[in-house]
N, C-alpha and C. Protein backbone atom coordinates (compact mmCIF):
# COMPACT_ATOMS: atom_id res chain seq x y z
N UNK A 1 65.73 -37.83 -74.63
CA UNK A 1 67.08 -38.25 -74.22
C UNK A 1 67.70 -39.07 -75.35
N UNK A 2 68.82 -38.60 -75.90
CA UNK A 2 69.45 -39.24 -77.05
C UNK A 2 70.04 -40.58 -76.67
N UNK A 3 70.01 -41.54 -77.63
CA UNK A 3 70.47 -42.91 -77.39
C UNK A 3 71.90 -42.95 -76.87
N UNK A 4 72.78 -42.14 -77.45
CA UNK A 4 74.19 -42.20 -77.08
C UNK A 4 74.61 -41.22 -76.00
N UNK A 5 73.67 -40.46 -75.44
CA UNK A 5 74.02 -39.43 -74.47
C UNK A 5 74.43 -40.02 -73.14
N UNK A 6 75.17 -39.22 -72.35
CA UNK A 6 75.61 -39.67 -71.03
C UNK A 6 74.42 -39.93 -70.12
N UNK A 7 73.40 -39.07 -70.20
CA UNK A 7 72.21 -39.26 -69.37
C UNK A 7 71.49 -40.55 -69.72
N UNK A 8 71.42 -40.85 -71.03
CA UNK A 8 70.78 -42.11 -71.46
C UNK A 8 71.54 -43.30 -70.89
N UNK A 9 72.86 -43.27 -70.97
CA UNK A 9 73.66 -44.39 -70.49
C UNK A 9 73.49 -44.58 -68.98
N UNK A 10 73.46 -43.48 -68.23
CA UNK A 10 73.25 -43.57 -66.79
C UNK A 10 71.89 -44.17 -66.48
N UNK A 11 70.86 -43.73 -67.23
CA UNK A 11 69.51 -44.24 -67.01
C UNK A 11 69.44 -45.73 -67.29
N UNK A 12 70.06 -46.16 -68.39
CA UNK A 12 70.06 -47.57 -68.75
C UNK A 12 70.75 -48.40 -67.68
N UNK A 13 71.89 -47.95 -67.19
CA UNK A 13 72.62 -48.71 -66.19
C UNK A 13 71.83 -48.83 -64.89
N UNK A 14 71.09 -47.75 -64.54
CA UNK A 14 70.25 -47.82 -63.35
C UNK A 14 69.17 -48.87 -63.51
N UNK A 15 68.58 -48.97 -64.72
CA UNK A 15 67.57 -49.97 -64.99
C UNK A 15 68.16 -51.37 -64.92
N UNK A 16 69.36 -51.54 -65.51
CA UNK A 16 70.02 -52.84 -65.50
C UNK A 16 70.25 -53.32 -64.07
N UNK A 17 70.72 -52.43 -63.21
CA UNK A 17 71.01 -52.83 -61.84
C UNK A 17 69.74 -53.21 -61.09
N UNK A 18 68.59 -52.72 -61.56
CA UNK A 18 67.33 -53.04 -60.92
C UNK A 18 66.76 -54.37 -61.41
N UNK A 19 66.93 -54.67 -62.70
CA UNK A 19 66.26 -55.87 -63.23
C UNK A 19 67.16 -57.10 -63.29
N UNK A 20 68.48 -56.93 -63.17
CA UNK A 20 69.39 -58.06 -63.07
C UNK A 20 70.24 -57.89 -61.83
N UNK A 21 70.13 -58.84 -60.92
CA UNK A 21 70.93 -58.83 -59.70
C UNK A 21 72.16 -59.70 -59.91
N UNK A 22 73.29 -59.08 -60.23
CA UNK A 22 74.49 -59.84 -60.54
C UNK A 22 75.10 -60.50 -59.30
N UNK A 23 74.59 -60.17 -58.12
CA UNK A 23 75.03 -60.89 -56.93
C UNK A 23 74.21 -62.15 -56.71
N UNK A 24 73.21 -62.36 -57.58
CA UNK A 24 72.38 -63.56 -57.50
C UNK A 24 73.04 -64.75 -58.15
N UNK A 25 72.31 -65.85 -58.23
CA UNK A 25 72.86 -67.08 -58.78
C UNK A 25 73.15 -66.95 -60.27
N UNK A 26 74.13 -67.71 -60.74
CA UNK A 26 74.48 -67.66 -62.15
C UNK A 26 73.32 -68.13 -63.03
N UNK A 27 72.52 -69.06 -62.53
CA UNK A 27 71.36 -69.54 -63.30
C UNK A 27 70.35 -68.42 -63.49
N UNK A 28 70.05 -67.68 -62.42
CA UNK A 28 69.10 -66.57 -62.51
C UNK A 28 69.61 -65.48 -63.44
N UNK A 29 70.89 -65.18 -63.32
CA UNK A 29 71.48 -64.14 -64.18
C UNK A 29 71.47 -64.58 -65.64
N UNK A 30 71.82 -65.84 -65.90
CA UNK A 30 71.84 -66.36 -67.27
C UNK A 30 70.47 -66.26 -67.94
N UNK A 31 69.43 -66.59 -67.18
CA UNK A 31 68.06 -66.48 -67.72
C UNK A 31 67.67 -65.02 -67.92
N UNK A 32 68.03 -64.16 -66.97
CA UNK A 32 67.65 -62.75 -67.05
C UNK A 32 68.30 -62.03 -68.21
N UNK A 33 69.47 -62.49 -68.63
CA UNK A 33 70.19 -61.83 -69.72
C UNK A 33 69.59 -62.10 -71.10
N UNK A 34 68.81 -63.17 -71.23
CA UNK A 34 68.21 -63.46 -72.54
C UNK A 34 67.25 -62.33 -72.92
N UNK A 35 67.47 -61.76 -74.09
CA UNK A 35 66.66 -60.64 -74.56
C UNK A 35 67.28 -59.29 -74.31
N UNK A 36 68.28 -59.24 -73.41
CA UNK A 36 69.01 -58.00 -73.14
C UNK A 36 69.93 -57.69 -74.31
N UNK A 37 70.11 -56.41 -74.61
CA UNK A 37 71.04 -56.00 -75.66
C UNK A 37 72.39 -55.67 -75.05
N UNK A 38 73.43 -56.27 -75.61
CA UNK A 38 74.81 -56.04 -75.19
C UNK A 38 75.55 -55.27 -76.28
N UNK A 39 76.15 -54.15 -75.90
CA UNK A 39 76.97 -53.37 -76.81
C UNK A 39 78.35 -53.16 -76.20
N UNK A 40 79.36 -53.20 -77.04
CA UNK A 40 80.72 -52.87 -76.63
C UNK A 40 81.23 -51.81 -77.60
N UNK A 41 81.47 -50.62 -77.08
CA UNK A 41 81.79 -49.47 -77.94
C UNK A 41 80.73 -49.28 -79.02
N UNK A 42 79.48 -49.50 -78.65
CA UNK A 42 78.36 -49.26 -79.55
C UNK A 42 78.08 -50.36 -80.55
N UNK A 43 78.83 -51.47 -80.48
CA UNK A 43 78.67 -52.59 -81.41
C UNK A 43 78.14 -53.80 -80.66
N UNK A 44 77.10 -54.45 -81.22
CA UNK A 44 76.59 -55.65 -80.55
C UNK A 44 75.17 -55.98 -80.96
N UNK A 45 74.43 -56.60 -80.03
CA UNK A 45 73.07 -57.01 -80.36
C UNK A 45 72.39 -57.66 -79.16
N UNK A 46 71.28 -58.31 -79.45
CA UNK A 46 70.46 -58.93 -78.41
C UNK A 46 71.06 -60.28 -78.00
N UNK A 47 71.21 -60.48 -76.70
CA UNK A 47 71.70 -61.75 -76.19
C UNK A 47 70.63 -62.82 -76.39
N UNK A 48 70.98 -63.88 -77.12
CA UNK A 48 70.00 -64.94 -77.40
C UNK A 48 70.41 -66.29 -76.81
N UNK A 49 71.63 -66.37 -76.24
CA UNK A 49 72.07 -67.65 -75.70
C UNK A 49 73.12 -67.43 -74.61
N UNK A 50 72.94 -68.11 -73.48
CA UNK A 50 73.87 -68.01 -72.36
C UNK A 50 74.08 -69.38 -71.73
N UNK A 51 75.11 -69.49 -70.90
CA UNK A 51 75.33 -70.68 -70.07
C UNK A 51 75.76 -70.24 -68.69
N UNK A 52 75.24 -70.92 -67.67
CA UNK A 52 75.59 -70.61 -66.28
C UNK A 52 76.66 -71.57 -65.77
N UNK A 53 77.57 -71.03 -64.93
CA UNK A 53 78.61 -71.83 -64.29
C UNK A 53 78.74 -71.38 -62.83
N UNK A 54 79.00 -72.34 -61.93
CA UNK A 54 79.04 -72.04 -60.51
C UNK A 54 80.23 -72.72 -59.86
N UNK A 55 80.64 -72.25 -58.68
CA UNK A 55 81.85 -72.78 -58.05
C UNK A 55 81.72 -74.24 -57.62
N UNK A 56 80.50 -74.73 -57.44
CA UNK A 56 80.30 -76.14 -57.09
C UNK A 56 80.06 -77.00 -58.33
N UNK A 57 80.22 -76.41 -59.49
CA UNK A 57 79.97 -77.05 -60.78
C UNK A 57 81.30 -77.57 -61.34
N UNK A 58 81.46 -78.89 -61.51
CA UNK A 58 82.75 -79.42 -61.99
C UNK A 58 83.12 -78.97 -63.40
N UNK A 59 82.17 -78.40 -64.14
CA UNK A 59 82.48 -77.90 -65.48
C UNK A 59 82.97 -76.45 -65.44
N UNK A 60 82.95 -75.83 -64.27
CA UNK A 60 83.31 -74.42 -64.14
C UNK A 60 84.80 -74.23 -63.94
N UNK A 61 85.34 -73.13 -64.46
CA UNK A 61 86.74 -72.78 -64.24
C UNK A 61 87.03 -72.54 -62.76
N UNK A 62 86.00 -72.20 -62.00
CA UNK A 62 86.20 -71.86 -60.58
C UNK A 62 86.14 -73.08 -59.66
N UNK A 63 85.85 -74.24 -60.19
CA UNK A 63 85.61 -75.43 -59.37
C UNK A 63 86.81 -75.79 -58.49
N UNK A 64 88.01 -75.59 -59.01
CA UNK A 64 89.22 -75.95 -58.27
C UNK A 64 89.78 -74.80 -57.44
N UNK A 65 89.05 -73.69 -57.38
CA UNK A 65 89.49 -72.55 -56.59
C UNK A 65 90.19 -71.49 -57.43
N UNK A 66 90.52 -70.37 -56.79
CA UNK A 66 91.13 -69.25 -57.52
C UNK A 66 92.51 -69.59 -58.07
N UNK A 67 92.81 -69.00 -59.22
CA UNK A 67 94.13 -69.14 -59.83
C UNK A 67 94.44 -67.84 -60.57
N UNK A 68 95.64 -67.75 -61.10
CA UNK A 68 96.00 -66.56 -61.86
C UNK A 68 95.07 -66.37 -63.05
N UNK A 69 94.68 -67.47 -63.68
CA UNK A 69 93.83 -67.39 -64.86
C UNK A 69 92.41 -66.97 -64.54
N UNK A 70 91.85 -67.49 -63.43
CA UNK A 70 90.42 -67.31 -63.20
C UNK A 70 90.08 -66.35 -62.07
N UNK A 71 91.04 -65.61 -61.54
CA UNK A 71 90.81 -64.82 -60.34
C UNK A 71 89.68 -63.81 -60.50
N UNK A 72 89.49 -63.28 -61.72
CA UNK A 72 88.41 -62.32 -61.94
C UNK A 72 87.05 -62.94 -61.67
N UNK A 73 86.93 -64.24 -61.90
CA UNK A 73 85.66 -64.94 -61.74
C UNK A 73 85.19 -64.97 -60.28
N UNK A 74 86.11 -64.71 -59.35
CA UNK A 74 85.77 -64.76 -57.93
C UNK A 74 85.32 -63.41 -57.37
N UNK A 75 85.05 -62.48 -58.25
CA UNK A 75 84.44 -61.24 -57.82
C UNK A 75 85.41 -60.07 -57.79
N UNK A 76 84.78 -58.88 -57.64
CA UNK A 76 83.36 -58.64 -57.38
C UNK A 76 82.48 -58.93 -58.60
N UNK A 77 81.16 -59.05 -58.39
CA UNK A 77 80.25 -59.33 -59.51
C UNK A 77 80.10 -58.13 -60.44
N UNK A 78 79.39 -58.36 -61.53
CA UNK A 78 79.11 -57.33 -62.54
C UNK A 78 80.39 -56.88 -63.25
N UNK A 79 81.28 -57.84 -63.48
CA UNK A 79 82.50 -57.58 -64.23
C UNK A 79 82.67 -58.62 -65.33
N UNK A 80 83.51 -58.30 -66.30
CA UNK A 80 83.77 -59.22 -67.42
C UNK A 80 84.91 -60.15 -67.06
N UNK A 81 84.71 -61.43 -67.29
CA UNK A 81 85.78 -62.43 -67.16
C UNK A 81 86.03 -62.99 -68.55
N UNK A 82 87.23 -62.75 -69.07
CA UNK A 82 87.58 -63.17 -70.43
C UNK A 82 88.64 -64.27 -70.36
N UNK A 83 88.42 -65.34 -71.09
CA UNK A 83 89.44 -66.39 -71.17
C UNK A 83 89.57 -66.85 -72.62
N UNK A 84 90.67 -67.49 -72.92
CA UNK A 84 90.90 -68.00 -74.28
C UNK A 84 90.56 -69.48 -74.32
N UNK A 85 89.73 -69.86 -75.26
CA UNK A 85 89.29 -71.24 -75.42
C UNK A 85 90.17 -71.96 -76.43
N UNK A 86 90.75 -73.09 -76.00
CA UNK A 86 91.61 -73.90 -76.86
C UNK A 86 92.78 -73.10 -77.44
N UNK A 87 93.16 -72.03 -76.74
CA UNK A 87 94.27 -71.21 -77.19
C UNK A 87 93.99 -70.41 -78.45
N UNK A 88 92.70 -70.30 -78.83
CA UNK A 88 92.35 -69.66 -80.09
C UNK A 88 91.38 -68.50 -79.90
N UNK A 89 90.21 -68.78 -79.29
CA UNK A 89 89.12 -67.81 -79.24
C UNK A 89 88.96 -67.21 -77.85
N UNK A 90 88.71 -65.90 -77.79
CA UNK A 90 88.33 -65.27 -76.53
C UNK A 90 86.86 -65.56 -76.25
N UNK A 91 86.52 -65.71 -74.97
CA UNK A 91 85.14 -65.95 -74.55
C UNK A 91 84.77 -64.96 -73.44
N UNK A 92 83.57 -64.41 -73.53
CA UNK A 92 83.09 -63.39 -72.59
C UNK A 92 82.14 -64.00 -71.57
N UNK A 93 82.44 -63.74 -70.30
CA UNK A 93 81.58 -64.16 -69.20
C UNK A 93 81.25 -62.96 -68.33
N UNK A 94 80.07 -62.97 -67.72
CA UNK A 94 79.70 -61.96 -66.74
C UNK A 94 79.81 -62.59 -65.35
N UNK A 95 80.60 -61.99 -64.48
CA UNK A 95 80.79 -62.51 -63.13
C UNK A 95 79.55 -62.22 -62.28
N UNK A 96 79.15 -63.20 -61.48
CA UNK A 96 77.99 -63.00 -60.61
C UNK A 96 78.23 -63.65 -59.26
N UNK A 97 77.21 -63.59 -58.41
CA UNK A 97 77.27 -64.01 -57.01
C UNK A 97 78.21 -63.11 -56.22
N UNK A 98 78.34 -63.35 -54.93
CA UNK A 98 79.12 -62.48 -54.07
C UNK A 98 80.61 -62.80 -54.18
N UNK A 99 81.43 -61.88 -53.69
CA UNK A 99 82.88 -62.05 -53.76
C UNK A 99 83.32 -63.39 -53.17
N UNK A 100 84.24 -64.04 -53.88
CA UNK A 100 84.85 -65.25 -53.37
C UNK A 100 84.21 -66.54 -53.77
N UNK A 101 83.00 -66.49 -54.37
CA UNK A 101 82.29 -67.74 -54.70
C UNK A 101 82.67 -68.28 -56.07
N UNK A 102 82.99 -67.44 -57.02
CA UNK A 102 83.41 -67.93 -58.33
C UNK A 102 82.29 -68.44 -59.20
N UNK A 103 81.50 -67.54 -59.77
CA UNK A 103 80.39 -67.92 -60.64
C UNK A 103 80.32 -66.96 -61.81
N UNK A 104 79.79 -67.44 -62.93
CA UNK A 104 79.71 -66.58 -64.09
C UNK A 104 78.74 -67.09 -65.13
N UNK A 105 78.47 -66.23 -66.10
CA UNK A 105 77.57 -66.55 -67.21
C UNK A 105 78.33 -66.34 -68.51
N UNK A 106 78.42 -67.39 -69.31
CA UNK A 106 79.05 -67.32 -70.63
C UNK A 106 78.05 -66.77 -71.64
N UNK A 107 78.48 -65.75 -72.38
CA UNK A 107 77.64 -65.20 -73.45
C UNK A 107 77.93 -66.00 -74.72
N UNK A 108 76.97 -66.84 -75.11
CA UNK A 108 77.20 -67.77 -76.22
C UNK A 108 76.81 -67.21 -77.58
N UNK A 109 75.79 -66.37 -77.64
CA UNK A 109 75.35 -65.90 -78.95
C UNK A 109 74.53 -64.63 -78.84
N UNK A 110 74.63 -63.81 -79.89
CA UNK A 110 73.85 -62.58 -80.01
C UNK A 110 73.14 -62.56 -81.36
N UNK A 111 72.05 -61.82 -81.41
CA UNK A 111 71.47 -61.42 -82.69
C UNK A 111 72.06 -60.05 -83.02
N UNK A 112 72.88 -59.93 -84.06
CA UNK A 112 73.54 -58.65 -84.36
C UNK A 112 72.53 -57.56 -84.68
N UNK A 113 72.70 -56.40 -84.05
CA UNK A 113 71.77 -55.29 -84.25
C UNK A 113 72.46 -53.96 -84.54
N UNK A 114 73.58 -53.71 -83.90
CA UNK A 114 74.28 -52.43 -84.02
C UNK A 114 75.70 -52.65 -84.51
N UNK A 115 76.11 -51.86 -85.50
CA UNK A 115 77.48 -51.95 -86.00
C UNK A 115 77.75 -53.17 -86.85
N UNK A 116 76.78 -53.58 -87.67
CA UNK A 116 76.95 -54.79 -88.49
C UNK A 116 78.13 -54.70 -89.44
N UNK A 117 78.37 -53.52 -90.02
CA UNK A 117 79.50 -53.38 -90.94
C UNK A 117 80.83 -53.60 -90.21
N UNK A 118 80.93 -53.12 -88.98
CA UNK A 118 82.14 -53.32 -88.19
C UNK A 118 82.30 -54.80 -87.87
N UNK A 119 81.20 -55.46 -87.47
CA UNK A 119 81.25 -56.88 -87.16
C UNK A 119 81.63 -57.70 -88.38
N UNK A 120 81.09 -57.36 -89.53
CA UNK A 120 81.41 -58.09 -90.76
C UNK A 120 82.89 -57.95 -91.10
N UNK A 121 83.44 -56.77 -90.90
CA UNK A 121 84.86 -56.55 -91.19
C UNK A 121 85.73 -57.36 -90.23
N UNK A 122 85.35 -57.38 -88.97
CA UNK A 122 86.13 -58.13 -87.98
C UNK A 122 86.05 -59.63 -88.20
N UNK A 123 84.89 -60.10 -88.63
CA UNK A 123 84.68 -61.53 -88.80
C UNK A 123 85.06 -62.01 -90.20
N UNK A 124 85.12 -61.09 -91.16
CA UNK A 124 85.49 -61.47 -92.52
C UNK A 124 84.42 -62.24 -93.24
N UNK A 125 83.14 -61.97 -92.92
CA UNK A 125 82.03 -62.62 -93.63
C UNK A 125 80.81 -61.70 -93.60
N UNK A 126 79.83 -62.02 -94.47
CA UNK A 126 78.65 -61.17 -94.62
C UNK A 126 77.41 -61.71 -93.92
N UNK A 127 77.31 -63.02 -93.76
CA UNK A 127 76.10 -63.64 -93.23
C UNK A 127 75.86 -63.21 -91.78
N UNK A 128 74.81 -62.43 -91.56
CA UNK A 128 74.52 -61.90 -90.22
C UNK A 128 74.27 -63.01 -89.21
N UNK A 129 73.71 -64.12 -89.66
CA UNK A 129 73.39 -65.22 -88.73
C UNK A 129 74.65 -65.84 -88.14
N UNK A 130 75.78 -65.72 -88.84
CA UNK A 130 77.01 -66.35 -88.37
C UNK A 130 77.96 -65.37 -87.66
N UNK A 131 77.58 -64.10 -87.58
CA UNK A 131 78.49 -63.12 -86.99
C UNK A 131 78.75 -63.38 -85.51
N UNK A 132 77.70 -63.72 -84.77
CA UNK A 132 77.82 -63.85 -83.30
C UNK A 132 77.22 -65.14 -82.78
N UNK A 133 77.20 -66.20 -83.60
CA UNK A 133 76.57 -67.46 -83.20
C UNK A 133 77.60 -68.41 -82.61
N UNK A 134 78.09 -68.06 -81.43
CA UNK A 134 79.11 -68.84 -80.74
C UNK A 134 79.95 -67.90 -79.90
N UNK A 135 80.46 -68.34 -78.75
CA UNK A 135 81.17 -67.42 -77.86
C UNK A 135 82.43 -66.81 -78.45
N UNK A 136 83.19 -67.57 -79.24
CA UNK A 136 84.36 -67.01 -79.88
C UNK A 136 83.99 -65.98 -80.93
N UNK A 137 82.91 -66.23 -81.64
CA UNK A 137 82.43 -65.30 -82.67
C UNK A 137 81.94 -64.01 -82.03
N UNK A 138 81.28 -64.12 -80.88
CA UNK A 138 80.82 -62.93 -80.17
C UNK A 138 81.99 -62.00 -79.88
N UNK A 139 83.06 -62.56 -79.32
CA UNK A 139 84.20 -61.73 -78.95
C UNK A 139 84.91 -61.14 -80.16
N UNK A 140 85.05 -61.92 -81.21
CA UNK A 140 85.69 -61.40 -82.42
C UNK A 140 84.85 -60.28 -83.02
N UNK A 141 83.55 -60.47 -83.11
CA UNK A 141 82.66 -59.48 -83.72
C UNK A 141 82.61 -58.18 -82.92
N UNK A 142 82.67 -58.30 -81.58
CA UNK A 142 82.57 -57.12 -80.72
C UNK A 142 83.93 -56.55 -80.33
N UNK A 143 85.00 -57.17 -80.81
CA UNK A 143 86.34 -56.67 -80.52
C UNK A 143 86.77 -56.87 -79.09
N UNK A 144 86.30 -57.97 -78.47
CA UNK A 144 86.61 -58.24 -77.06
C UNK A 144 87.87 -59.10 -76.96
N UNK A 145 88.80 -58.68 -76.09
CA UNK A 145 90.02 -59.44 -75.83
C UNK A 145 90.24 -59.51 -74.32
N UNK A 146 91.38 -60.08 -73.92
CA UNK A 146 91.67 -60.17 -72.50
C UNK A 146 91.87 -58.81 -71.85
N UNK A 147 92.06 -57.77 -72.66
CA UNK A 147 92.18 -56.42 -72.11
C UNK A 147 90.88 -55.96 -71.45
N UNK A 148 89.76 -56.61 -71.81
CA UNK A 148 88.47 -56.26 -71.20
C UNK A 148 88.22 -57.02 -69.90
N UNK A 149 89.03 -58.00 -69.59
CA UNK A 149 88.80 -58.82 -68.40
C UNK A 149 88.96 -57.98 -67.14
N UNK A 150 87.98 -58.09 -66.25
CA UNK A 150 87.97 -57.31 -65.03
C UNK A 150 87.22 -56.00 -65.12
N UNK A 151 86.86 -55.58 -66.33
CA UNK A 151 86.11 -54.33 -66.48
C UNK A 151 84.68 -54.49 -65.99
N UNK A 152 84.13 -53.41 -65.47
CA UNK A 152 82.73 -53.42 -65.06
C UNK A 152 81.85 -53.45 -66.31
N UNK A 153 80.83 -54.28 -66.29
CA UNK A 153 79.95 -54.40 -67.45
C UNK A 153 78.80 -53.41 -67.40
N UNK A 154 78.75 -52.60 -66.33
CA UNK A 154 77.70 -51.57 -66.25
C UNK A 154 78.27 -50.19 -66.54
N UNK A 155 79.43 -50.15 -67.22
CA UNK A 155 80.01 -48.87 -67.60
C UNK A 155 80.81 -49.03 -68.89
N UNK A 156 81.13 -47.92 -69.53
CA UNK A 156 81.83 -47.91 -70.82
C UNK A 156 83.12 -48.73 -70.73
N UNK A 157 83.45 -49.52 -71.79
CA UNK A 157 82.82 -49.57 -73.11
C UNK A 157 81.62 -50.50 -73.22
N UNK A 158 81.27 -51.17 -72.10
CA UNK A 158 80.12 -52.06 -72.12
C UNK A 158 78.83 -51.27 -71.93
N UNK A 159 77.77 -51.75 -72.54
CA UNK A 159 76.44 -51.19 -72.34
C UNK A 159 75.41 -52.31 -72.41
N UNK A 160 74.54 -52.38 -71.43
CA UNK A 160 73.46 -53.36 -71.39
C UNK A 160 72.12 -52.63 -71.41
N UNK A 161 71.27 -53.03 -72.35
CA UNK A 161 69.96 -52.40 -72.50
C UNK A 161 68.88 -53.44 -72.26
N UNK A 162 67.95 -53.20 -71.33
CA UNK A 162 66.94 -54.21 -71.01
C UNK A 162 66.06 -54.56 -72.21
N UNK A 163 65.55 -55.79 -72.20
CA UNK A 163 64.58 -56.21 -73.22
C UNK A 163 63.33 -55.34 -73.11
N UNK A 164 62.74 -55.01 -74.23
CA UNK A 164 61.57 -54.15 -74.22
C UNK A 164 60.27 -54.95 -74.11
N UNK A 165 60.37 -56.25 -74.19
CA UNK A 165 59.18 -57.09 -74.04
C UNK A 165 59.58 -58.42 -73.41
N UNK A 166 58.60 -59.12 -72.86
CA UNK A 166 58.86 -60.41 -72.25
C UNK A 166 59.27 -61.42 -73.32
N UNK A 167 60.23 -62.28 -72.97
CA UNK A 167 60.73 -63.25 -73.93
C UNK A 167 60.45 -64.67 -73.45
N UNK A 168 60.39 -65.60 -74.41
CA UNK A 168 60.23 -67.02 -74.10
C UNK A 168 61.60 -67.68 -74.12
N UNK A 169 61.94 -68.40 -73.05
CA UNK A 169 63.29 -68.91 -72.87
C UNK A 169 63.31 -70.43 -72.89
N UNK A 170 64.27 -70.98 -73.64
CA UNK A 170 64.51 -72.43 -73.68
C UNK A 170 65.64 -72.78 -72.71
N UNK A 171 65.66 -74.02 -72.25
CA UNK A 171 66.74 -74.48 -71.38
C UNK A 171 67.18 -75.88 -71.80
N UNK A 172 68.46 -76.17 -71.63
CA UNK A 172 68.97 -77.48 -72.00
C UNK A 172 70.41 -77.64 -71.54
N UNK A 173 71.02 -78.79 -71.82
CA UNK A 173 72.42 -79.04 -71.42
C UNK A 173 73.39 -78.09 -72.10
N UNK A 174 74.49 -77.82 -71.42
CA UNK A 174 75.52 -76.94 -71.97
C UNK A 174 76.32 -77.65 -73.07
N UNK A 175 77.09 -76.87 -73.80
CA UNK A 175 77.78 -77.36 -74.99
C UNK A 175 79.29 -77.44 -74.74
N UNK A 176 79.92 -78.50 -75.27
CA UNK A 176 81.37 -78.58 -75.31
C UNK A 176 82.05 -78.82 -73.98
N UNK A 177 81.36 -79.46 -73.04
CA UNK A 177 81.97 -79.76 -71.74
C UNK A 177 81.99 -81.27 -71.53
N UNK A 178 82.89 -81.73 -70.67
CA UNK A 178 83.01 -83.16 -70.42
C UNK A 178 82.48 -83.57 -69.05
N UNK A 179 82.18 -82.58 -68.19
CA UNK A 179 81.65 -82.85 -66.86
C UNK A 179 80.31 -82.14 -66.68
N UNK A 180 79.44 -82.74 -65.86
CA UNK A 180 78.10 -82.17 -65.62
C UNK A 180 77.39 -81.89 -66.94
N UNK A 181 77.53 -82.81 -67.87
CA UNK A 181 77.01 -82.61 -69.23
C UNK A 181 75.49 -82.54 -69.30
N UNK A 182 74.80 -83.11 -68.33
CA UNK A 182 73.34 -83.14 -68.38
C UNK A 182 72.68 -82.01 -67.59
N UNK A 183 73.46 -81.17 -66.94
CA UNK A 183 72.89 -80.06 -66.18
C UNK A 183 72.29 -79.04 -67.15
N UNK A 184 71.00 -78.70 -67.01
CA UNK A 184 70.33 -77.85 -67.99
C UNK A 184 70.54 -76.36 -67.75
N UNK A 185 71.81 -75.94 -67.81
CA UNK A 185 72.14 -74.54 -67.53
C UNK A 185 72.49 -73.75 -68.79
N UNK A 186 72.06 -74.22 -69.92
CA UNK A 186 72.16 -73.43 -71.15
C UNK A 186 70.78 -72.85 -71.44
N UNK A 187 70.74 -71.55 -71.76
CA UNK A 187 69.47 -70.87 -71.97
C UNK A 187 69.49 -70.15 -73.32
N UNK A 188 68.33 -70.14 -73.98
CA UNK A 188 68.26 -69.51 -75.29
C UNK A 188 66.91 -68.87 -75.55
N UNK A 189 66.92 -67.93 -76.47
CA UNK A 189 65.70 -67.24 -76.88
C UNK A 189 64.91 -68.13 -77.83
N UNK A 190 63.72 -68.49 -77.43
CA UNK A 190 62.88 -69.36 -78.25
C UNK A 190 62.62 -68.74 -79.62
N UNK A 191 62.82 -69.54 -80.67
CA UNK A 191 62.55 -69.08 -82.03
C UNK A 191 63.69 -68.32 -82.68
N UNK A 192 64.78 -68.08 -81.97
CA UNK A 192 65.88 -67.31 -82.55
C UNK A 192 66.64 -68.15 -83.57
N UNK A 193 67.00 -67.54 -84.68
CA UNK A 193 67.80 -68.19 -85.70
C UNK A 193 69.29 -67.89 -85.53
N UNK A 194 69.63 -67.22 -84.41
CA UNK A 194 71.01 -66.81 -84.20
C UNK A 194 71.72 -67.63 -83.12
N UNK A 195 71.07 -68.71 -82.66
CA UNK A 195 71.69 -69.57 -81.66
C UNK A 195 72.94 -70.26 -82.22
N UNK A 196 73.88 -70.60 -81.33
CA UNK A 196 75.06 -71.31 -81.79
C UNK A 196 74.76 -72.73 -82.20
N UNK A 197 73.70 -73.29 -81.60
CA UNK A 197 73.28 -74.65 -81.90
C UNK A 197 71.82 -74.81 -81.45
N UNK A 198 71.01 -75.55 -82.19
CA UNK A 198 69.60 -75.70 -81.79
C UNK A 198 69.47 -76.42 -80.45
N UNK A 199 68.40 -76.12 -79.74
CA UNK A 199 68.08 -76.86 -78.50
C UNK A 199 67.36 -78.14 -78.89
N UNK A 200 67.60 -79.22 -78.14
CA UNK A 200 66.99 -80.51 -78.43
C UNK A 200 66.27 -81.04 -77.21
């Protein structure tokens, strides 16, 4: 079965739906995504860093309830929620939990694996370690904008490929927030040099 074939993509998506339950908690989904490969139009790499956010979490966009900006975050799950950070960078989140609860996982960093030349052109630099080491960099490298918000992440142009081996996962406080700063809902691949920031 060829990597890019329709049958391969269907098989991969069936596996994804079995090993990651996007209707589950954002913490469980954030941990499960570490080691998974994310591709958008065939460009991307291994997810090495995530952060979980929940509707009862004061650091979450969903904490104050649904709005025009965050409505995608309230479901259904298994969709992309895209927002602009500081009016500059797009950020990619995967919606989880059941409809109406408002939970998601921020994709903070990837290890680039597929389409490096495309990512380098989009980012305007050569250093592979810096291509996707941060949520804004991930979106720029993968060509993600608000046009992707609301799309299902288990179908084209998104593709998720399960990790082929068990991974060791680190946990610690999230980055760049002013509330719930000590909640250890940031997760990373142990030993990865592609993290946005080291764990302490």
